[in-house]
Amino acid sequence: MKSQKKPKDKVTETSEKRLSQIYVVAAQLFCEKGFDATSMSDIADAVGITKAGIYHFVPGGKKELLFAVMNYGMDRLESEVLIPSRAIADAEQRLRSIVTRHAALITGGSSPAGHNPVTIVVDEVAGLTAVQLRKISQRKRAYLDLVRTTLQQLKEEGKLKDVDVTVAAFSLFGML
């Protein structure tokens, strides 16, 4: 007799919580195994629902799920990092907020291997359609622009040495 896999969470939880769980698990699997090597069945098994259950929450195919996971990660980045940081007028405090909040977001929602829906935005863009890639790129550009503007303001205030703010912004993202 084959033992049945016990779901990680009860099916009675809210749709929003279940959808978040699907996104987080899918992100972890995409990062660990790669997008192409991860099947919808792998995700369903890890979440503890059927493959049809995944399609109920995320209509379409695996590319749509990847896009949804990336948008989920970008939504979290926007609400937890960008919006609060944009509200800070002082560039030095804004940069401190960006770095602190981004690091907290990454470390707070990551698997032991460091994967989460925010980090997948960097790792698996090849799995997106051209339209999806353009939308994710626009969202990433908004974040880059905030950091570049902040660094430029610090440079103009004499608080940052003569550096290329674009290179510095990309370096900051690489460190985070």
Protein backbone atom coordinates (compact mmCIF):
# COMPACT_ATOMS: atom_id res chain seq x y z
CA MET A 1 0.00 0.00 0.00
CA LYS A 2 1.40 3.35 -1.06
CA SER A 3 1.50 6.01 1.64
CA GLN A 4 -0.28 9.19 0.77
CA LYS A 5 1.53 12.49 0.90
CA LYS A 6 0.08 14.77 3.54
CA PRO A 7 -0.59 18.35 2.38
CA LYS A 8 1.63 20.96 4.01
CA ASP A 9 -1.39 23.16 4.79
CA LYS A 10 -5.10 22.54 4.99
CA VAL A 11 -7.10 23.08 1.84
CA THR A 12 -9.44 25.31 3.86
CA GLU A 13 -6.95 28.17 3.98
CA THR A 14 -7.76 31.29 2.01
CA SER A 15 -7.08 31.46 -1.71
CA GLU A 16 -4.61 34.31 -1.21
CA LYS A 17 -2.53 32.28 1.24
CA ARG A 18 -2.62 29.24 -1.04
CA LEU A 19 -1.61 31.32 -4.05
CA SER A 20 1.28 32.83 -2.07
CA GLN A 21 2.34 29.34 -1.05
CA ILE A 22 2.28 28.20 -4.70
CA TYR A 23 4.41 31.19 -5.73
CA VAL A 24 6.98 30.66 -2.99
CA VAL A 25 7.28 26.92 -3.63
CA ALA A 26 7.44 27.41 -7.40
CA ALA A 27 10.17 30.04 -6.98
CA GLN A 28 12.19 27.70 -4.79
CA LEU A 29 11.87 24.83 -7.25
CA PHE A 30 12.65 27.03 -10.25
CA CYS A 31 15.78 28.27 -8.50
CA GLU A 32 16.87 24.83 -7.30
CA LYS A 33 16.09 22.74 -10.38
CA GLY A 34 15.80 25.38 -13.07
CA PHE A 35 12.64 26.47 -14.84
CA ASP A 36 12.87 23.90 -17.64
CA ALA A 37 13.54 20.97 -15.28
CA THR A 38 10.64 21.80 -12.93
CA SER A 39 7.28 20.31 -13.84
CA MET A 40 3.86 21.50 -12.74
CA SER A 41 3.55 18.11 -11.02
CA ASP A 42 6.72 18.86 -9.01
CA ILE A 43 5.16 22.10 -7.82
CA ALA A 44 1.80 20.48 -7.05
CA ASP A 45 3.48 17.69 -5.06
CA ALA A 46 5.58 20.17 -3.08
CA VAL A 47 2.53 22.29 -2.26
CA GLY A 48 0.38 19.26 -1.45
CA ILE A 49 -2.34 19.74 -4.05
CA THR A 50 -3.09 18.25 -7.44
CA LYS A 51 -1.74 19.59 -10.70
CA ALA A 52 -5.31 20.63 -11.53
CA GLY A 53 -5.26 22.61 -8.28
CA ILE A 54 -2.25 24.57 -9.53
CA TYR A 55 -4.11 25.38 -12.76
CA HIS A 56 -7.15 26.44 -10.71
CA PHE A 57 -5.05 29.08 -8.95
CA VAL A 58 -2.84 29.97 -11.93
CA PRO A 59 -4.66 29.44 -15.25
CA GLY A 60 -2.40 28.87 -18.23
CA GLY A 61 0.85 27.03 -18.28
CA LYS A 62 4.22 27.05 -16.66
CA LYS A 63 5.30 30.31 -18.36
CA GLU A 64 2.25 32.04 -16.90
CA LEU A 65 3.16 30.65 -13.48
CA LEU A 66 6.73 31.93 -13.83
CA PHE A 67 5.42 35.36 -14.82
CA ALA A 68 2.97 35.32 -11.88
CA VAL A 69 5.78 34.34 -9.49
CA MET A 70 7.97 37.16 -10.79
CA ASN A 71 5.14 39.68 -10.47
CA TYR A 72 4.48 38.42 -6.95
CA GLY A 73 8.15 39.00 -6.12
CA MET A 74 8.10 42.45 -7.73
CA ASP A 75 4.88 43.33 -5.87
CA ARG A 76 6.56 42.45 -2.58
CA LEU A 77 9.67 44.42 -3.56
CA GLU A 78 7.53 47.40 -4.45
CA SER A 79 5.42 47.35 -1.30
CA GLU A 80 8.21 46.51 1.14
CA VAL A 81 11.14 48.41 -0.38
CA LEU A 82 10.26 50.92 -3.09
CA ILE A 83 7.16 52.62 -1.70
CA PRO A 84 8.54 53.17 1.84
CA SER A 85 11.94 54.25 0.50
CA ARG A 86 10.48 56.71 -2.02
CA ALA A 87 8.79 58.49 0.87
CA ILE A 88 12.18 59.39 2.39
CA ALA A 89 13.46 62.77 1.19
CA ASP A 90 17.00 62.47 2.55
CA ALA A 91 19.08 60.48 0.02
CA GLU A 92 21.37 58.94 2.63
CA GLN A 93 18.44 57.72 4.71
CA ARG A 94 16.66 56.54 1.54
CA LEU A 95 19.68 54.48 0.47
CA ARG A 96 19.96 53.01 3.96
CA SER A 97 16.25 52.13 3.81
CA ILE A 98 16.60 50.53 0.36
CA VAL A 99 19.51 48.33 1.43
CA THR A 100 18.02 47.37 4.80
CA ARG A 101 14.54 46.65 3.48
CA HIS A 102 15.80 44.73 0.43
CA ALA A 103 18.10 42.57 2.57
CA ALA A 104 15.27 41.90 5.04
CA LEU A 105 12.91 40.95 2.22
CA ILE A 106 15.42 38.52 0.73
CA THR A 107 16.49 36.92 3.99
CA GLY A 108 13.05 36.89 5.57
CA GLY A 109 11.29 35.02 2.79
CA SER A 110 14.01 32.73 1.53
CA SER A 111 14.43 28.99 1.63
CA PRO A 112 17.55 27.66 3.38
CA ALA A 113 19.26 27.81 -0.04
CA GLY A 114 18.40 31.52 -0.34
CA HIS A 115 15.69 31.25 -2.99
CA ASN A 116 12.47 33.24 -3.00
CA PRO A 117 10.15 35.00 -5.47
CA VAL A 118 12.29 38.16 -5.40
CA THR A 119 15.52 36.40 -6.34
CA ILE A 120 13.91 34.47 -9.19
CA VAL A 121 13.39 37.77 -11.03
CA VAL A 122 17.10 37.66 -11.81
CA ASP A 123 17.52 33.94 -12.41
CA GLU A 124 14.85 32.74 -14.82
CA VAL A 125 13.95 35.52 -17.26
CA ALA A 126 14.68 33.24 -20.23
CA GLY A 127 11.47 31.35 -19.43
CA LEU A 128 9.30 34.42 -20.12
CA THR A 129 7.59 35.43 -23.34
CA ALA A 130 8.77 38.67 -24.96
CA VAL A 131 5.76 40.59 -23.61
CA GLN A 132 6.21 39.19 -20.11
CA LEU A 133 9.93 39.98 -20.17
CA ARG A 134 9.19 43.57 -21.19
CA LYS A 135 6.75 44.00 -18.27
CA ILE A 136 9.15 42.55 -15.71
CA SER A 137 12.02 44.62 -17.15
CA GLN A 138 9.96 47.80 -16.77
CA ARG A 139 9.33 46.99 -13.12
CA LYS A 140 13.01 46.24 -12.51
CA ARG A 141 13.92 49.51 -14.30
CA ALA A 142 11.77 51.49 -11.85
CA TYR A 143 13.82 50.06 -9.00
CA LEU A 144 17.09 50.76 -10.79
CA ASP A 145 15.97 54.33 -11.44
CA LEU A 146 15.19 54.87 -7.75
CA VAL A 147 18.65 53.67 -6.73
CA ARG A 148 20.41 55.66 -9.47
CA THR A 149 18.50 58.82 -8.55
CA THR A 150 19.38 58.30 -4.89
CA LEU A 151 23.07 57.78 -5.70
CA GLN A 152 23.07 60.82 -8.01
CA GLN A 153 21.56 62.94 -5.23
CA LEU A 154 24.27 61.73 -2.84
CA LYS A 155 26.90 62.56 -5.45
CA GLU A 156 25.51 66.08 -5.90
CA GLU A 157 25.51 66.55 -2.12
CA GLY A 158 29.19 65.59 -2.02
CA LYS A 159 28.46 62.44 0.00
CA LEU A 160 29.53 60.09 -2.78
CA LYS A 161 32.83 60.11 -4.58
CA ASP A 162 33.07 60.45 -8.32
CA VAL A 163 31.56 57.13 -9.40
CA ASP A 164 29.30 56.10 -12.25
CA VAL A 165 25.90 55.89 -10.53
CA THR A 166 24.64 53.24 -12.96
CA VAL A 167 27.60 50.96 -12.27
CA ALA A 168 27.24 51.62 -8.55
CA ALA A 169 23.51 50.79 -8.68
CA PHE A 170 24.13 47.50 -10.48
CA SER A 171 26.94 46.71 -8.02
CA LEU A 172 24.57 47.34 -5.13
CA PHE A 173 21.98 44.99 -6.64
CA GLY A 174 24.66 42.38 -7.15
CA MET A 175 25.63 42.57 -3.50
CA LEU A 176 22.04 42.34 -2.34
